[in-house]
Amino acid sequence: MIGHAHVVACADRLAIASCLPEVSTVATPIFDFSHLSPDERIQLAKDLWNSLPDRRPTLTDSQCGELTRRAALRAAEPTRGRPWRTVLDEVEQRAQ
């Protein structure tokens, strides 16, 4: 999850970067994987993904309470609510 301070810091860097001459932002890869087969590249991606530490967000007590409240509401009224895809479709339609 990206925090507010991170977004502000990124925005500041973008503002500064817009004043600088254009420089390529594509980094030279440390590891040349062009010789790997597609299956080997997929395995490499999986290995890289699995090497990342577990990044579960830390929830506040109020967030935990809200999730507990919502889970209880869902358990008490399982037919209440709408599928996320339906809601997303409606939002996307309004945005057009």
N, C-alpha and C. Protein backbone atom coordinates (compact mmCIF):
# COMPACT_ATOMS: atom_id res chain seq x y z
N MET A 1 0.85 -1.18 0.00
CA MET A 1 0.00 0.00 0.00
C MET A 1 0.90 1.24 0.00
N ILE A 2 0.59 2.18 -0.85
CA ILE A 2 1.38 3.39 -0.94
C ILE A 2 0.80 4.44 -0.01
N GLY A 3 1.63 4.96 0.86
CA GLY A 3 1.18 5.96 1.82
C GLY A 3 1.19 7.36 1.23
N HIS A 4 0.54 8.28 1.92
CA HIS A 4 0.45 9.67 1.48
C HIS A 4 1.83 10.30 1.31
N ALA A 5 2.72 10.05 2.28
CA ALA A 5 4.05 10.64 2.21
C ALA A 5 4.80 10.15 0.98
N HIS A 6 4.60 8.87 0.64
CA HIS A 6 5.26 8.32 -0.55
C HIS A 6 4.75 9.01 -1.81
N VAL A 7 3.45 9.21 -1.89
CA VAL A 7 2.86 9.87 -3.06
C VAL A 7 3.37 11.30 -3.18
N VAL A 8 3.43 12.02 -2.07
CA VAL A 8 3.93 13.39 -2.09
C VAL A 8 5.39 13.41 -2.52
N ALA A 9 6.20 12.47 -1.98
CA ALA A 9 7.61 12.41 -2.35
C ALA A 9 7.75 12.13 -3.84
N CYS A 10 6.92 11.23 -4.37
CA CYS A 10 6.98 10.93 -5.80
C CYS A 10 6.57 12.14 -6.62
N ALA A 11 5.56 12.84 -6.19
CA ALA A 11 5.11 14.04 -6.91
C ALA A 11 6.20 15.10 -6.91
N ASP A 12 6.90 15.24 -5.78
CA ASP A 12 8.01 16.20 -5.72
C ASP A 12 9.11 15.82 -6.69
N ARG A 13 9.43 14.53 -6.76
CA ARG A 13 10.46 14.08 -7.69
C ARG A 13 10.03 14.32 -9.13
N LEU A 14 8.74 14.10 -9.43
CA LEU A 14 8.25 14.33 -10.78
C LEU A 14 8.35 15.81 -11.14
N ALA A 15 8.03 16.68 -10.20
CA ALA A 15 8.11 18.12 -10.45
C ALA A 15 9.56 18.53 -10.73
N ILE A 16 10.47 17.99 -9.94
CA ILE A 16 11.89 18.30 -10.15
C ILE A 16 12.37 17.70 -11.47
N ALA A 17 11.96 16.46 -11.75
CA ALA A 17 12.40 15.78 -12.96
C ALA A 17 11.92 16.49 -14.21
N SER A 18 10.77 17.16 -14.14
CA SER A 18 10.26 17.85 -15.33
C SER A 18 11.12 19.05 -15.70
N CYS A 19 11.93 19.53 -14.77
CA CYS A 19 12.81 20.67 -15.03
C CYS A 19 14.17 20.24 -15.57
N LEU A 20 14.47 18.95 -15.49
CA LEU A 20 15.77 18.44 -15.90
C LEU A 20 15.74 18.01 -17.37
N PRO A 21 16.90 17.94 -18.00
CA PRO A 21 16.93 17.45 -19.37
C PRO A 21 16.46 16.00 -19.43
N GLU A 22 15.93 15.61 -20.58
CA GLU A 22 15.40 14.26 -20.72
C GLU A 22 16.53 13.24 -20.62
N VAL A 23 16.33 12.28 -19.75
CA VAL A 23 17.31 11.22 -19.55
C VAL A 23 16.54 9.90 -19.59
N SER A 24 17.12 8.89 -20.19
CA SER A 24 16.47 7.59 -20.25
C SER A 24 16.28 7.05 -18.85
N THR A 25 15.08 6.57 -18.55
CA THR A 25 14.80 5.99 -17.24
C THR A 25 14.89 4.48 -17.27
N VAL A 26 15.21 3.90 -18.43
CA VAL A 26 15.32 2.46 -18.53
C VAL A 26 16.70 2.05 -18.02
N ALA A 27 16.71 1.26 -16.98
CA ALA A 27 17.97 0.83 -16.38
C ALA A 27 18.55 -0.35 -17.16
N THR A 28 19.83 -0.46 -17.16
CA THR A 28 20.49 -1.60 -17.76
C THR A 28 20.29 -2.78 -16.82
N PRO A 29 19.76 -3.89 -17.34
CA PRO A 29 19.51 -5.02 -16.44
C PRO A 29 20.81 -5.56 -15.84
N ILE A 30 20.73 -5.93 -14.57
CA ILE A 30 21.88 -6.52 -13.89
C ILE A 30 22.10 -7.94 -14.40
N PHE A 31 21.02 -8.61 -14.72
CA PHE A 31 21.07 -9.99 -15.17
C PHE A 31 20.47 -10.06 -16.56
N ASP A 32 21.22 -10.57 -17.52
CA ASP A 32 20.72 -10.71 -18.89
C ASP A 32 19.98 -12.04 -19.00
N PHE A 33 18.68 -11.99 -19.10
CA PHE A 33 17.88 -13.21 -19.17
C PHE A 33 17.38 -13.50 -20.57
N SER A 34 17.93 -12.80 -21.56
CA SER A 34 17.45 -13.00 -22.94
C SER A 34 17.72 -14.40 -23.45
N HIS A 35 18.68 -15.09 -22.86
CA HIS A 35 18.99 -16.45 -23.30
C HIS A 35 18.07 -17.50 -22.68
N LEU A 36 17.23 -17.11 -21.74
CA LEU A 36 16.33 -18.05 -21.08
C LEU A 36 15.12 -18.35 -21.95
N SER A 37 14.65 -19.57 -21.88
CA SER A 37 13.43 -19.94 -22.60
C SER A 37 12.23 -19.29 -21.90
N PRO A 38 11.08 -19.24 -22.57
CA PRO A 38 9.89 -18.69 -21.90
C PRO A 38 9.58 -19.40 -20.58
N ASP A 39 9.70 -20.73 -20.55
CA ASP A 39 9.43 -21.46 -19.30
C ASP A 39 10.42 -21.09 -18.21
N GLU A 40 11.68 -20.89 -18.59
CA GLU A 40 12.69 -20.50 -17.61
C GLU A 40 12.44 -19.08 -17.10
N ARG A 41 11.97 -18.20 -17.97
CA ARG A 41 11.65 -16.84 -17.55
C ARG A 41 10.48 -16.84 -16.58
N ILE A 42 9.48 -17.66 -16.88
CA ILE A 42 8.32 -17.77 -15.97
C ILE A 42 8.78 -18.29 -14.62
N GLN A 43 9.64 -19.31 -14.62
CA GLN A 43 10.15 -19.85 -13.36
C GLN A 43 10.95 -18.80 -12.60
N LEU A 44 11.74 -18.02 -13.33
CA LEU A 44 12.51 -16.94 -12.70
C LEU A 44 11.57 -15.93 -12.04
N ALA A 45 10.50 -15.56 -12.76
CA ALA A 45 9.53 -14.61 -12.19
C ALA A 45 8.89 -15.19 -10.93
N LYS A 46 8.52 -16.46 -10.97
CA LYS A 46 7.94 -17.11 -9.79
C LYS A 46 8.93 -17.13 -8.63
N ASP A 47 10.18 -17.46 -8.94
CA ASP A 47 11.20 -17.51 -7.89
C ASP A 47 11.41 -16.13 -7.27
N LEU A 48 11.44 -15.09 -8.13
CA LEU A 48 11.59 -13.73 -7.62
C LEU A 48 10.40 -13.36 -6.74
N TRP A 49 9.19 -13.66 -7.21
CA TRP A 49 7.98 -13.35 -6.45
C TRP A 49 8.00 -14.04 -5.09
N ASN A 50 8.35 -15.32 -5.11
CA ASN A 50 8.36 -16.10 -3.86
C ASN A 50 9.48 -15.67 -2.92
N SER A 51 10.49 -14.97 -3.42
CA SER A 51 11.57 -14.52 -2.57
C SER A 51 11.23 -13.25 -1.80
N LEU A 52 10.13 -12.59 -2.19
CA LEU A 52 9.73 -11.36 -1.51
C LEU A 52 9.19 -11.66 -0.13
N PRO A 53 9.47 -10.79 0.82
CA PRO A 53 8.91 -11.01 2.16
C PRO A 53 7.40 -10.81 2.14
N ASP A 54 6.75 -11.45 3.08
CA ASP A 54 5.31 -11.30 3.20
C ASP A 54 5.00 -9.84 3.54
N ARG A 55 4.22 -9.17 2.71
CA ARG A 55 3.98 -7.74 2.89
C ARG A 55 2.53 -7.47 3.27
N ARG A 56 2.01 -8.23 4.19
CA ARG A 56 0.64 -7.98 4.64
C ARG A 56 0.60 -6.67 5.39
N PRO A 57 -0.42 -5.87 5.11
CA PRO A 57 -0.50 -4.58 5.80
C PRO A 57 -0.82 -4.76 7.29
N THR A 58 -0.30 -3.88 8.07
CA THR A 58 -0.63 -3.86 9.50
C THR A 58 -1.89 -3.04 9.66
N LEU A 59 -2.90 -3.64 10.28
CA LEU A 59 -4.17 -2.95 10.46
C LEU A 59 -4.26 -2.34 11.85
N THR A 60 -4.93 -1.20 11.91
CA THR A 60 -5.18 -0.58 13.20
C THR A 60 -6.32 -1.33 13.89
N ASP A 61 -6.50 -1.05 15.17
CA ASP A 61 -7.61 -1.68 15.90
C ASP A 61 -8.95 -1.31 15.28
N SER A 62 -9.09 -0.06 14.84
CA SER A 62 -10.37 0.36 14.24
C SER A 62 -10.60 -0.35 12.90
N GLN A 63 -9.54 -0.56 12.13
CA GLN A 63 -9.68 -1.28 10.87
C GLN A 63 -10.07 -2.74 11.11
N CYS A 64 -9.44 -3.36 12.10
CA CYS A 64 -9.79 -4.73 12.46
C CYS A 64 -11.25 -4.81 12.92
N GLY A 65 -11.65 -3.84 13.71
CA GLY A 65 -13.04 -3.80 14.16
C GLY A 65 -14.01 -3.66 13.01
N GLU A 66 -13.67 -2.81 12.05
CA GLU A 66 -14.53 -2.62 10.88
C GLU A 66 -14.64 -3.89 10.06
N LEU A 67 -13.53 -4.58 9.86
CA LEU A 67 -13.56 -5.84 9.12
C LEU A 67 -14.38 -6.89 9.85
N THR A 68 -14.25 -6.94 11.16
CA THR A 68 -15.04 -7.88 11.97
C THR A 68 -16.52 -7.56 11.86
N ARG A 69 -16.86 -6.26 11.92
CA ARG A 69 -18.26 -5.84 11.80
C ARG A 69 -18.82 -6.24 10.44
N ARG A 70 -18.05 -6.01 9.38
CA ARG A 70 -18.52 -6.35 8.04
C ARG A 70 -18.67 -7.86 7.86
N ALA A 71 -17.73 -8.63 8.41
CA ALA A 71 -17.82 -10.09 8.32
C ALA A 71 -19.06 -10.60 9.04
N ALA A 72 -19.36 -10.02 10.20
CA ALA A 72 -20.55 -10.42 10.96
C ALA A 72 -21.82 -10.06 10.19
N LEU A 73 -21.84 -8.89 9.58
CA LEU A 73 -22.99 -8.47 8.78
C LEU A 73 -23.19 -9.41 7.60
N ARG A 74 -22.11 -9.77 6.96
CA ARG A 74 -22.19 -10.69 5.82
C ARG A 74 -22.69 -12.06 6.26
N ALA A 75 -22.23 -12.53 7.43
CA ALA A 75 -22.68 -13.83 7.95
C ALA A 75 -24.16 -13.80 8.31
N ALA A 76 -24.62 -12.65 8.85
CA ALA A 76 -26.02 -12.53 9.26
C ALA A 76 -26.95 -12.36 8.06
N GLU A 77 -26.48 -11.70 7.00
CA GLU A 77 -27.30 -11.43 5.82
C GLU A 77 -26.50 -11.76 4.55
N PRO A 78 -26.33 -13.06 4.25
CA PRO A 78 -25.46 -13.44 3.12
C PRO A 78 -25.94 -12.97 1.75
N THR A 79 -27.22 -12.65 1.61
CA THR A 79 -27.73 -12.20 0.31
C THR A 79 -27.64 -10.69 0.15
N ARG A 80 -27.27 -10.00 1.21
CA ARG A 80 -27.15 -8.55 1.14
C ARG A 80 -25.91 -8.17 0.34
N GLY A 81 -25.99 -7.08 -0.37
CA GLY A 81 -24.85 -6.61 -1.14
C GLY A 81 -24.95 -7.01 -2.61
N ARG A 82 -23.97 -6.56 -3.38
CA ARG A 82 -23.94 -6.87 -4.81
C ARG A 82 -22.53 -7.32 -5.19
N PRO A 83 -22.44 -8.12 -6.23
CA PRO A 83 -21.10 -8.55 -6.67
C PRO A 83 -20.25 -7.35 -7.08
N TRP A 84 -18.95 -7.42 -6.80
CA TRP A 84 -18.06 -6.30 -7.09
C TRP A 84 -18.04 -6.00 -8.57
N ARG A 85 -18.17 -6.99 -9.42
CA ARG A 85 -18.13 -6.77 -10.87
C ARG A 85 -19.31 -5.89 -11.30
N THR A 86 -20.47 -6.10 -10.71
CA THR A 86 -21.65 -5.29 -11.02
C THR A 86 -21.41 -3.84 -10.64
N VAL A 87 -20.89 -3.63 -9.45
CA VAL A 87 -20.61 -2.27 -8.98
C VAL A 87 -19.55 -1.62 -9.85
N LEU A 88 -18.49 -2.34 -10.18
CA LEU A 88 -17.42 -1.80 -11.02
C LEU A 88 -17.95 -1.43 -12.40
N ASP A 89 -18.80 -2.28 -12.97
CA ASP A 89 -19.39 -1.96 -14.28
C ASP A 89 -20.19 -0.65 -14.22
N GLU A 90 -20.94 -0.46 -13.14
CA GLU A 90 -21.72 0.77 -12.97
C GLU A 90 -20.81 1.99 -12.86
N VAL A 91 -19.75 1.86 -12.10
CA VAL A 91 -18.80 2.97 -11.94
C VAL A 91 -18.16 3.31 -13.27
N GLU A 92 -17.75 2.30 -14.01
CA GLU A 92 -17.11 2.54 -15.30
C GLU A 92 -18.09 3.18 -16.29
N GLN A 93 -19.36 2.78 -16.23
CA GLN A 93 -20.37 3.39 -17.11
C GLN A 93 -20.56 4.87 -16.78
N ARG A 94 -20.59 5.18 -15.51
CA ARG A 94 -20.76 6.59 -15.10
C ARG A 94 -19.56 7.43 -15.51
N ALA A 95 -18.39 6.82 -15.56
CA ALA A 95 -17.17 7.56 -15.87
C ALA A 95 -17.08 7.91 -17.36
N GLN A 96 -17.87 7.28 -18.18
CA GLN A 96 -17.82 7.53 -19.62
C GLN A 96 -18.55 8.78 -20.02
